[in-house]
Amino acid sequence: MLIEEGTKYQISQGIKGFFNSAESMTVKSYNGVTVQFTLADSKGHGSMPVEHLSYLLKKSNLTQIPNKRMLLSTDNNEEQIS
């Protein structure tokens, strides 16, 4: 699992209550053990162990939102292959 600063995650309906009813969260820092994040719409911030983030991703409680740069790079790669 690749965790980078600026990665956004969509929060599922079932666990929004644990995240101040925020729609998404953005990773602010990652030190290998802990992930610090901010919640969308200025609903707060927090941190969690990487193991817990992995668990939430595995259970589909969080889903990564692809950023535009990543989408553009995959479009360019497909054009080069054709």
C-alpha atoms as a PDB file:
ATOM      1  CA  MET A   1       0.000   0.000   0.000  1.00  0.00           C
ATOM      2  CA  LEU A   2       1.417   3.332  -1.087  1.00  0.00           C
ATOM      3  CA  ILE A   3       0.641   6.215   1.274  1.00  0.00           C
ATOM      4  CA  GLU A   4       1.638   9.689   0.143  1.00  0.00           C
ATOM      5  CA  GLU A   5       0.989  13.175   1.420  1.00  0.00           C
ATOM      6  CA  GLY A   6      -2.003  14.666  -0.370  1.00  0.00           C
ATOM      7  CA  THR A   7      -3.755  11.334  -0.993  1.00  0.00           C
ATOM      8  CA  LYS A   8      -7.526  11.696  -0.605  1.00  0.00           C
ATOM      9  CA  TYR A   9      -9.863   8.979   0.664  1.00  0.00           C
ATOM     10  CA  GLN A  10     -13.654   8.809   0.411  1.00  0.00           C
ATOM     11  CA  ILE A  11     -15.252   7.877   3.756  1.00  0.00           C
ATOM     12  CA  SER A  12     -18.053   5.285   3.587  1.00  0.00           C
ATOM     13  CA  GLN A  13     -21.492   6.036   4.980  1.00  0.00           C
ATOM     14  CA  GLY A  14     -21.097   3.457   7.762  1.00  0.00           C
ATOM     15  CA  ILE A  15     -18.163   5.169   9.478  1.00  0.00           C
ATOM     16  CA  LYS A  16     -18.810   8.856   8.754  1.00  0.00           C
ATOM     17  CA  GLY A  17     -19.960   9.291  12.354  1.00  0.00           C
ATOM     18  CA  PHE A  18     -16.437   8.514  13.548  1.00  0.00           C
ATOM     19  CA  PHE A  19     -15.076  11.251  11.241  1.00  0.00           C
ATOM     20  CA  ASN A  20     -17.423  14.148  12.151  1.00  0.00           C
ATOM     21  CA  SER A  21     -19.694  13.236   9.196  1.00  0.00           C
ATOM     22  CA  ALA A  22     -16.994  14.309   6.720  1.00  0.00           C
ATOM     23  CA  GLU A  23     -17.210  13.056   3.136  1.00  0.00           C
ATOM     24  CA  SER A  24     -13.458  12.606   2.694  1.00  0.00           C
ATOM     25  CA  MET A  25     -10.058  12.880   4.339  1.00  0.00           C
ATOM     26  CA  THR A  26      -6.656  13.959   3.028  1.00  0.00           C
ATOM     27  CA  VAL A  27      -3.302  12.619   4.245  1.00  0.00           C
ATOM     28  CA  LYS A  28      -1.148  15.459   5.592  1.00  0.00           C
ATOM     29  CA  SER A  29       1.875  13.484   6.751  1.00  0.00           C
ATOM     30  CA  TYR A  30       3.091   9.923   6.968  1.00  0.00           C
ATOM     31  CA  ASN A  31       6.090   8.808   9.004  1.00  0.00           C
ATOM     32  CA  GLY A  32       5.918   5.047   8.449  1.00  0.00           C
ATOM     33  CA  VAL A  33       4.005   4.377  11.671  1.00  0.00           C
ATOM     34  CA  THR A  34       1.328   7.079  11.893  1.00  0.00           C
ATOM     35  CA  VAL A  35      -0.802   8.915   9.339  1.00  0.00           C
ATOM     36  CA  GLN A  36      -1.981  12.457  10.057  1.00  0.00           C
ATOM     37  CA  PHE A  37      -5.023  13.665   8.122  1.00  0.00           C
ATOM     38  CA  THR A  38      -7.488  16.515   7.707  1.00  0.00           C
ATOM     39  CA  LEU A  39     -11.191  16.077   7.095  1.00  0.00           C
ATOM     40  CA  ALA A  40     -13.066  17.725   4.232  1.00  0.00           C
ATOM     41  CA  ASP A  41     -15.076  20.908   4.755  1.00  0.00           C
ATOM     42  CA  SER A  42     -12.887  21.890   7.745  1.00  0.00           C
ATOM     43  CA  LYS A  43     -14.554  19.270   9.932  1.00  0.00           C
ATOM     44  CA  GLY A  44     -11.361  18.522  11.813  1.00  0.00           C
ATOM     45  CA  HIS A  45      -8.092  16.633  11.766  1.00  0.00           C
ATOM     46  CA  GLY A  46      -6.532  13.645  13.427  1.00  0.00           C
ATOM     47  CA  SER A  47      -4.088  10.783  13.227  1.00  0.00           C
ATOM     48  CA  MET A  48      -4.185   7.006  13.211  1.00  0.00           C
ATOM     49  CA  PRO A  49      -1.751   4.108  13.058  1.00  0.00           C
ATOM     50  CA  VAL A  50      -0.953   2.850   9.567  1.00  0.00           C
ATOM     51  CA  GLU A  51      -2.343  -0.570  10.547  1.00  0.00           C
ATOM     52  CA  HIS A  52      -5.744   1.004  11.206  1.00  0.00           C
ATOM     53  CA  LEU A  53      -5.711   2.829   7.863  1.00  0.00           C
ATOM     54  CA  SER A  54      -4.873  -0.483   6.168  1.00  0.00           C
ATOM     55  CA  TYR A  55      -7.764  -2.152   7.983  1.00  0.00           C
ATOM     56  CA  LEU A  56     -10.230   0.574   6.896  1.00  0.00           C
ATOM     57  CA  LEU A  57      -9.056   0.248   3.292  1.00  0.00           C
ATOM     58  CA  LYS A  58      -9.312  -3.550   3.418  1.00  0.00           C
ATOM     59  CA  LYS A  59     -12.883  -3.361   4.760  1.00  0.00           C
ATOM     60  CA  SER A  60     -13.783  -0.767   2.069  1.00  0.00           C
ATOM     61  CA  ASN A  61     -14.607   1.839   4.713  1.00  0.00           C
ATOM     62  CA  LEU A  62     -12.164   4.132   2.916  1.00  0.00           C
ATOM     63  CA  THR A  63     -11.587   4.237  -0.829  1.00  0.00           C
ATOM     64  CA  GLN A  64      -8.826   6.185  -2.502  1.00  0.00           C
ATOM     65  CA  ILE A  65      -9.913   9.063  -4.711  1.00  0.00           C
ATOM     66  CA  PRO A  66      -7.601   9.195  -7.736  1.00  0.00           C
ATOM     67  CA  ASN A  67      -6.004  12.594  -8.249  1.00  0.00           C
ATOM     68  CA  LYS A  68      -6.072  14.347 -11.619  1.00  0.00           C
ATOM     69  CA  ARG A  69      -2.333  13.982 -12.163  1.00  0.00           C
ATOM     70  CA  MET A  70      -2.580  10.201 -11.845  1.00  0.00           C
ATOM     71  CA  LEU A  71      -5.538  10.087 -14.252  1.00  0.00           C
ATOM     72  CA  LEU A  72      -3.675  12.198 -16.812  1.00  0.00           C
ATOM     73  CA  SER A  73      -0.585   9.995 -16.651  1.00  0.00           C
ATOM     74  CA  THR A  74      -2.650   6.830 -17.268  1.00  0.00           C
ATOM     75  CA  ASP A  75      -4.370   8.494 -20.245  1.00  0.00           C
ATOM     76  CA  ASN A  76      -0.975   9.369 -21.743  1.00  0.00           C
ATOM     77  CA  ASN A  77       0.309   5.818 -21.241  1.00  0.00           C
ATOM     78  CA  GLU A  78      -2.708   4.341 -23.031  1.00  0.00           C
ATOM     79  CA  GLU A  79      -2.212   6.697 -25.981  1.00  0.00           C
ATOM     80  CA  GLN A  80       1.439   5.705 -26.276  1.00  0.00           C
ATOM     81  CA  ILE A  81       0.553   2.002 -26.355  1.00  0.00           C
ATOM     82  CA  SER A  82      -1.987   2.340 -29.190  1.00  0.00           C
END
